[in-house]
PDB file of N, CA and C in Angstrom:
ATOM      1  N   MET A   1       7.968  22.715  -3.289  1.00  0.00           N
ATOM      2  CA  MET A   1       8.623  21.914  -2.679  1.00  0.00           C
ATOM      3  C   MET A   1      10.309  22.070  -2.808  1.00  0.00           C
ATOM      4  N   ASN A   2      10.941  22.183  -1.706  1.00  0.00           N
ATOM      5  CA  ASN A   2      12.432  22.536  -1.775  1.00  0.00           C
ATOM      6  C   ASN A   2      13.190  21.281  -1.561  1.00  0.00           C
ATOM      7  N   PRO A   3      14.147  20.985  -2.648  1.00  0.00           N
ATOM      8  CA  PRO A   3      14.882  19.783  -2.607  1.00  0.00           C
ATOM      9  C   PRO A   3      15.973  19.785  -1.518  1.00  0.00           C
ATOM     10  N   ALA A   4      16.099  20.783  -0.786  1.00  0.00           N
ATOM     11  CA  ALA A   4      17.067  20.761   0.256  1.00  0.00           C
ATOM     12  C   ALA A   4      16.284  20.415   1.572  1.00  0.00           C
ATOM     13  N   ASP A   5      14.935  20.502   1.576  1.00  0.00           N
ATOM     14  CA  ASP A   5      14.230  19.988   2.732  1.00  0.00           C
ATOM     15  C   ASP A   5      14.633  18.688   3.312  1.00  0.00           C
ATOM     16  N   GLN A   6      14.696  18.582   4.657  1.00  0.00           N
ATOM     17  CA  GLN A   6      14.983  17.374   5.232  1.00  0.00           C
ATOM     18  C   GLN A   6      13.703  16.553   5.658  1.00  0.00           C
ATOM     19  N   PRO A   7      13.704  15.218   5.596  1.00  0.00           N
ATOM     20  CA  PRO A   7      12.464  14.583   6.041  1.00  0.00           C
ATOM     21  C   PRO A   7      12.148  14.742   7.602  1.00  0.00           C
ATOM     22  N   ILE A   8      10.929  14.890   7.983  1.00  0.00           N
ATOM     23  CA  ILE A   8      10.622  15.009   9.285  1.00  0.00           C
ATOM     24  C   ILE A   8      10.032  13.602   9.902  1.00  0.00           C
ATOM     25  N   LEU A   9       9.951  12.615   9.161  1.00  0.00           N
ATOM     26  CA  LEU A   9       9.445  11.448   9.682  1.00  0.00           C
ATOM     27  C   LEU A   9       9.953  10.233   8.841  1.00  0.00           C
ATOM     28  N   TYR A  10      10.625   9.319   9.553  1.00  0.00           N
ATOM     29  CA  TYR A  10      11.184   8.166   9.095  1.00  0.00           C
ATOM     30  C   TYR A  10      10.439   7.078   9.831  1.00  0.00           C
ATOM     31  N   LEU A  11       9.768   6.008   8.975  1.00  0.00           N
ATOM     32  CA  LEU A  11       8.923   4.918   9.530  1.00  0.00           C
ATOM     33  C   LEU A  11       9.436   3.599   8.960  1.00  0.00           C
ATOM     34  N   ALA A  12       9.732   2.753   9.974  1.00  0.00           N
ATOM     35  CA  ALA A  12      10.084   1.328   9.467  1.00  0.00           C
ATOM     36  C   ALA A  12       9.169   0.352   9.714  1.00  0.00           C
ATOM     37  N   ILE A  13       8.907  -0.534   9.001  1.00  0.00           N
ATOM     38  CA  ILE A  13       8.026  -1.634   9.010  1.00  0.00           C
ATOM     39  C   ILE A  13       8.676  -3.026   9.097  1.00  0.00           C
ATOM     40  N   THR A  14       8.382  -3.713  10.063  1.00  0.00           N
ATOM     41  CA  THR A  14       9.033  -5.119   9.983  1.00  0.00           C
ATOM     42  C   THR A  14       8.075  -6.290  10.334  1.00  0.00           C
ATOM     43  N   SER A  15       8.315  -7.372  10.186  1.00  0.00           N
ATOM     44  CA  SER A  15       7.326  -8.433  10.398  1.00  0.00           C
ATOM     45  C   SER A  15       8.166  -9.807  10.572  1.00  0.00           C
ATOM     46  N   LYS A  16       7.663 -10.563  11.570  1.00  0.00           N
ATOM     47  CA  LYS A  16       8.464 -11.952  11.656  1.00  0.00           C
ATOM     48  C   LYS A  16       7.632 -12.971  10.990  1.00  0.00           C
ATOM     49  N   THR A  17       6.444 -12.581  10.408  1.00  0.00           N
ATOM     50  CA  THR A  17       5.678 -13.562   9.644  1.00  0.00           C
ATOM     51  C   THR A  17       5.344 -13.192   8.243  1.00  0.00           C
ATOM     52  N   LEU A  18       5.347 -11.952   7.913  1.00  0.00           N
ATOM     53  CA  LEU A  18       5.044 -11.404   6.533  1.00  0.00           C
ATOM     54  C   LEU A  18       6.285 -11.492   5.770  1.00  0.00           C
ATOM     55  N   PRO A  19       6.074 -11.814   4.339  1.00  0.00           N
ATOM     56  CA  PRO A  19       7.240 -11.713   3.487  1.00  0.00           C
ATOM     57  C   PRO A  19       7.557 -10.317   3.028  1.00  0.00           C
ATOM     58  N   LEU A  20       8.596  -9.932   2.748  1.00  0.00           N
ATOM     59  CA  LEU A  20       9.162  -8.664   2.261  1.00  0.00           C
ATOM     60  C   LEU A  20       8.131  -7.976   1.251  1.00  0.00           C
ATOM     61  N   TRP A  21       7.784  -8.774   0.301  1.00  0.00           N
ATOM     62  CA  TRP A  21       6.934  -8.153  -0.814  1.00  0.00           C
ATOM     63  C   TRP A  21       5.486  -7.745  -0.173  1.00  0.00           C
ATOM     64  N   THR A  22       5.042  -8.587   0.725  1.00  0.00           N
ATOM     65  CA  THR A  22       3.787  -8.097   1.378  1.00  0.00           C
ATOM     66  C   THR A  22       3.963  -6.674   2.167  1.00  0.00           C
ATOM     67  N   LEU A  23       5.062  -6.518   2.904  1.00  0.00           N
ATOM     68  CA  LEU A  23       5.317  -5.286   3.686  1.00  0.00           C
ATOM     69  C   LEU A  23       5.581  -4.253   2.712  1.00  0.00           C
ATOM     70  N   ASP A  24       6.252  -4.362   1.589  1.00  0.00           N
ATOM     71  CA  ASP A  24       6.479  -3.292   0.533  1.00  0.00           C
ATOM     72  C   ASP A  24       5.096  -2.854  -0.006  1.00  0.00           C
ATOM     73  N   GLU A  25       4.337  -3.886  -0.332  1.00  0.00           N
ATOM     74  CA  GLU A  25       3.120  -3.447  -0.938  1.00  0.00           C
ATOM     75  C   GLU A  25       2.084  -2.819   0.057  1.00  0.00           C
ATOM     76  N   TYR A  26       2.162  -3.050   1.390  1.00  0.00           N
ATOM     77  CA  TYR A  26       1.300  -2.413   2.403  1.00  0.00           C
ATOM     78  C   TYR A  26       1.954  -0.949   2.527  1.00  0.00           C
ATOM     79  N   ALA A  27       3.250  -0.948   2.622  1.00  0.00           N
ATOM     80  CA  ALA A  27       3.915   0.470   2.763  1.00  0.00           C
ATOM     81  C   ALA A  27       3.421   1.391   1.479  1.00  0.00           C
ATOM     82  N   GLU A  28       3.464   0.775   0.229  1.00  0.00           N
ATOM     83  CA  GLU A  28       3.121   1.610  -0.908  1.00  0.00           C
ATOM     84  C   GLU A  28       1.596   1.887  -1.114  1.00  0.00           C
ATOM     85  N   THR A  29       0.829   1.068  -0.802  1.00  0.00           N
ATOM     86  CA  THR A  29      -0.642   1.210  -1.017  1.00  0.00           C
ATOM     87  C   THR A  29      -1.395   1.738   0.118  1.00  0.00           C
ATOM     88  N   ARG A  30      -0.978   1.535   1.324  1.00  0.00           N
ATOM     89  CA  ARG A  30      -1.633   2.019   2.445  1.00  0.00           C
ATOM     90  C   ARG A  30      -1.018   3.188   3.219  1.00  0.00           C
ATOM     91  N   ILE A  31       0.085   2.927   3.631  1.00  0.00           N
ATOM     92  CA  ILE A  31       0.731   3.954   4.470  1.00  0.00           C
ATOM     93  C   ILE A  31       1.119   5.037   3.727  1.00  0.00           C
ATOM     94  N   ALA A  32       1.916   4.907   2.593  1.00  0.00           N
ATOM     95  CA  ALA A  32       2.338   6.183   1.727  1.00  0.00           C
ATOM     96  C   ALA A  32       1.268   7.009   1.355  1.00  0.00           C
ATOM     97  N   GLN A  33       0.188   6.303   0.740  1.00  0.00           N
ATOM     98  CA  GLN A  33      -0.959   7.092   0.325  1.00  0.00           C
ATOM     99  C   GLN A  33      -1.653   7.748   1.296  1.00  0.00           C
ATOM    100  N   ARG A  34      -1.858   7.192   2.513  1.00  0.00           N
ATOM    101  CA  ARG A  34      -2.480   7.972   3.533  1.00  0.00           C
ATOM    102  C   ARG A  34      -1.556   9.083   4.173  1.00  0.00           C
ATOM    103  N   ILE A  35      -0.390   8.951   4.208  1.00  0.00           N
ATOM    104  CA  ILE A  35       0.417  10.078   4.674  1.00  0.00           C
ATOM    105  C   ILE A  35       0.528  11.126   3.677  1.00  0.00           C
ATOM    106  N   SER A  36       0.387  10.870   2.400  1.00  0.00           N
ATOM    107  CA  SER A  36       0.524  11.935   1.428  1.00  0.00           C
ATOM    108  C   SER A  36      -0.814  12.649   1.444  1.00  0.00           C
ATOM    109  N   MET A  37      -1.854  12.333   2.029  1.00  0.00           N
ATOM    110  CA  MET A  37      -3.226  12.988   2.281  1.00  0.00           C
ATOM    111  C   MET A  37      -3.170  13.990   3.188  1.00  0.00           C
ATOM    112  N   VAL A  38      -2.174  13.865   4.081  1.00  0.00           N
ATOM    113  CA  VAL A  38      -2.083  14.844   5.228  1.00  0.00           C
ATOM    114  C   VAL A  38      -1.702  16.226   4.551  1.00  0.00           C
ATOM    115  N   SER A  39      -2.566  17.467   5.150  1.00  0.00           N
ATOM    116  CA  SER A  39      -2.226  18.681   4.682  1.00  0.00           C
ATOM    117  C   SER A  39      -0.815  19.048   5.101  1.00  0.00           C
ATOM    118  N   GLY A  40       0.006  19.664   3.977  1.00  0.00           N
ATOM    119  CA  GLY A  40       1.237  20.037   4.267  1.00  0.00           C
ATOM    120  C   GLY A  40       2.278  19.141   3.770  1.00  0.00           C
ATOM    121  N   VAL A  41       1.897  17.914   3.624  1.00  0.00           N
ATOM    122  CA  VAL A  41       2.904  16.948   3.098  1.00  0.00           C
ATOM    123  C   VAL A  41       3.182  17.044   1.581  1.00  0.00           C
ATOM    124  N   ALA A  42       4.487  17.339   1.329  1.00  0.00           N
ATOM    125  CA  ALA A  42       4.912  17.543  -0.138  1.00  0.00           C
ATOM    126  C   ALA A  42       5.089  16.174  -0.726  1.00  0.00           C
ATOM    127  N   GLN A  43       5.775  15.261  -0.093  1.00  0.00           N
ATOM    128  CA  GLN A  43       6.335  14.132  -0.854  1.00  0.00           C
ATOM    129  C   GLN A  43       6.466  12.909   0.121  1.00  0.00           C
ATOM    130  N   VAL A  44       6.162  11.859  -0.249  1.00  0.00           N
ATOM    131  CA  VAL A  44       6.351  10.704   0.566  1.00  0.00           C
ATOM    132  C   VAL A  44       7.087   9.606  -0.403  1.00  0.00           C
ATOM    133  N   GLN A  45       8.078   8.955   0.194  1.00  0.00           N
ATOM    134  CA  GLN A  45       8.979   8.029  -0.555  1.00  0.00           C
ATOM    135  C   GLN A  45       9.012   6.652   0.385  1.00  0.00           C
ATOM    136  N   VAL A  46       8.843   5.616  -0.490  1.00  0.00           N
ATOM    137  CA  VAL A  46       9.028   4.340   0.258  1.00  0.00           C
ATOM    138  C   VAL A  46      10.222   3.799  -0.339  1.00  0.00           C
ATOM    139  N   LEU A  47      11.293   3.527   0.715  1.00  0.00           N
ATOM    140  CA  LEU A  47      12.498   3.122   0.388  1.00  0.00           C
ATOM    141  C   LEU A  47      12.916   1.742   0.918  1.00  0.00           C
ATOM    142  N   GLY A  48      13.830   0.979   0.324  1.00  0.00           N
ATOM    143  CA  GLY A  48      14.353  -0.262   1.034  1.00  0.00           C
ATOM    144  C   GLY A  48      13.678  -1.537   0.453  1.00  0.00           C
ATOM    145  N   ALA A  49      12.737  -1.280  -0.508  1.00  0.00           N
ATOM    146  CA  ALA A  49      11.936  -2.466  -1.184  1.00  0.00           C
ATOM    147  C   ALA A  49      13.165  -3.193  -1.845  1.00  0.00           C
ATOM    148  N   ARG A  50      12.936  -4.695  -1.905  1.00  0.00           N
ATOM    149  CA  ARG A  50      13.850  -5.508  -2.785  1.00  0.00           C
ATOM    150  C   ARG A  50      12.929  -5.842  -3.934  1.00  0.00           C
ATOM    151  N   ASN A  51      13.263  -4.931  -5.014  1.00  0.00           N
ATOM    152  CA  ASN A  51      12.576  -5.269  -6.229  1.00  0.00           C
ATOM    153  C   ASN A  51      13.457  -5.913  -7.415  1.00  0.00           C
ATOM    154  N   THR A  52      14.562  -6.593  -6.978  1.00  0.00           N
ATOM    155  CA  THR A  52      15.452  -7.056  -7.948  1.00  0.00           C
ATOM    156  C   THR A  52      14.940  -8.393  -8.325  1.00  0.00           C
ATOM    157  N   PRO A  53      14.644  -8.691  -9.518  1.00  0.00           N
ATOM    158  CA  PRO A  53      14.324 -10.081  -9.956  1.00  0.00           C
ATOM    159  C   PRO A  53      15.498 -11.155 -10.119  1.00  0.00           C
ATOM    160  N   CYS A  54      15.138 -12.231 -10.067  1.00  0.00           N
ATOM    161  CA  CYS A  54      16.279 -13.427 -10.040  1.00  0.00           C
ATOM    162  C   CYS A  54      16.308 -13.738 -11.505  1.00  0.00           C
ATOM    163  N   MET A  55      17.390 -13.362 -12.200  1.00  0.00           N
ATOM    164  CA  MET A  55      17.629 -13.710 -13.606  1.00  0.00           C
ATOM    165  C   MET A  55      18.330 -14.995 -13.720  1.00  0.00           C
ATOM    166  N   CYS A  56      17.976 -16.023 -14.481  1.00  0.00           N
ATOM    167  CA  CYS A  56      18.646 -17.216 -14.792  1.00  0.00           C
ATOM    168  C   CYS A  56      18.690 -17.376 -16.271  1.00  0.00           C
ATOM    169  N   LYS A  57      19.911 -17.873 -16.704  1.00  0.00           N
ATOM    170  CA  LYS A  57      20.038 -18.060 -18.084  1.00  0.00           C
ATOM    171  C   LYS A  57      20.440 -19.533 -18.259  1.00  0.00           C
ATOM    172  N   TRP A  58      19.742 -20.227 -19.001  1.00  0.00           N
ATOM    173  CA  TRP A  58      19.955 -21.799 -19.127  1.00  0.00           C
ATOM    174  C   TRP A  58      20.678 -21.812 -20.640  1.00  0.00           C
ATOM    175  N   ILE A  59      21.903 -22.532 -20.405  1.00  0.00           N
ATOM    176  CA  ILE A  59      22.824 -22.592 -21.603  1.00  0.00           C
ATOM    177  C   ILE A  59      23.082 -24.213 -21.600  1.00  0.00           C
ATOM    178  N   PRO A  60      22.204 -24.924 -22.527  1.00  0.00           N
ATOM    179  CA  PRO A  60      22.311 -26.395 -22.635  1.00  0.00           C
ATOM    180  C   PRO A  60      23.796 -26.799 -22.943  1.00  0.00           C
ATOM    181  N   SER A  61      24.603 -26.095 -23.747  1.00  0.00           N
ATOM    182  CA  SER A  61      25.996 -26.516 -24.081  1.00  0.00           C
ATOM    183  C   SER A  61      26.837 -26.615 -22.905  1.00  0.00           C
ATOM    184  N   ALA A  62      26.629 -25.569 -21.950  1.00  0.00           N
ATOM    185  CA  ALA A  62      27.452 -25.623 -20.740  1.00  0.00           C
ATOM    186  C   ALA A  62      26.977 -26.818 -19.912  1.00  0.00           C
ATOM    187  N   ARG A  63      25.869 -27.264 -19.818  1.00  0.00           N
ATOM    188  CA  ARG A  63      25.607 -28.613 -19.078  1.00  0.00           C
ATOM    189  C   ARG A  63      26.133 -29.849 -19.601  1.00  0.00           C
ATOM    190  N   VAL A  64      26.048 -29.782 -21.096  1.00  0.00           N
ATOM    191  CA  VAL A  64      26.680 -30.918 -21.699  1.00  0.00           C
ATOM    192  C   VAL A  64      28.184 -30.931 -21.406  1.00  0.00           C
ATOM    193  N   ALA A  65      28.979 -29.835 -21.602  1.00  0.00           N
ATOM    194  CA  ALA A  65      30.332 -29.663 -21.221  1.00  0.00           C
ATOM    195  C   ALA A  65      30.581 -30.148 -19.843  1.00  0.00           C
ATOM    196  N   ALA A  66      29.787 -29.605 -18.828  1.00  0.00           N
ATOM    197  CA  ALA A  66      30.042 -30.045 -17.539  1.00  0.00           C
ATOM    198  C   ALA A  66      29.908 -31.734 -17.283  1.00  0.00           C
ATOM    199  N   ASN A  67      28.966 -32.250 -17.901  1.00  0.00           N
ATOM    200  CA  ASN A  67      28.830 -33.775 -18.016  1.00  0.00           C
ATOM    201  C   ASN A  67      30.153 -34.356 -18.431  1.00  0.00           C
ATOM    202  N   ARG A  68      30.523 -33.758 -19.515  1.00  0.00           N
ATOM    203  CA  ARG A  68      31.842 -34.463 -20.095  1.00  0.00           C
ATOM    204  C   ARG A  68      32.974 -34.484 -19.284  1.00  0.00           C
ATOM    205  N   ASN A  69      33.194 -33.456 -18.451  1.00  0.00           N
ATOM    206  CA  ASN A  69      34.338 -33.252 -17.516  1.00  0.00           C
ATOM    207  C   ASN A  69      34.239 -34.150 -16.295  1.00  0.00           C
ATOM    208  N   GLN A  70      33.109 -35.023 -16.131  1.00  0.00           N
ATOM    209  CA  GLN A  70      32.954 -35.746 -14.801  1.00  0.00           C
ATOM    210  C   GLN A  70      33.442 -37.056 -15.104  1.00  0.00           C
TER     211      GLN A  70
END
């Protein structure tokens, strides 16, 4: 595989009814795996997934301080 090689196929999937995580899972488990089985395919990448978790930190003292200021 030559790192300078350019992709020959870009495939975009969208849905008005399915959530993004479902589309990502489908692209990873169904589409990418099947394309990688084609003779001559060196690499398949799935890009654009939103895998960033929502992180929340609870600080009880901040809530108490906020209530005092009201």
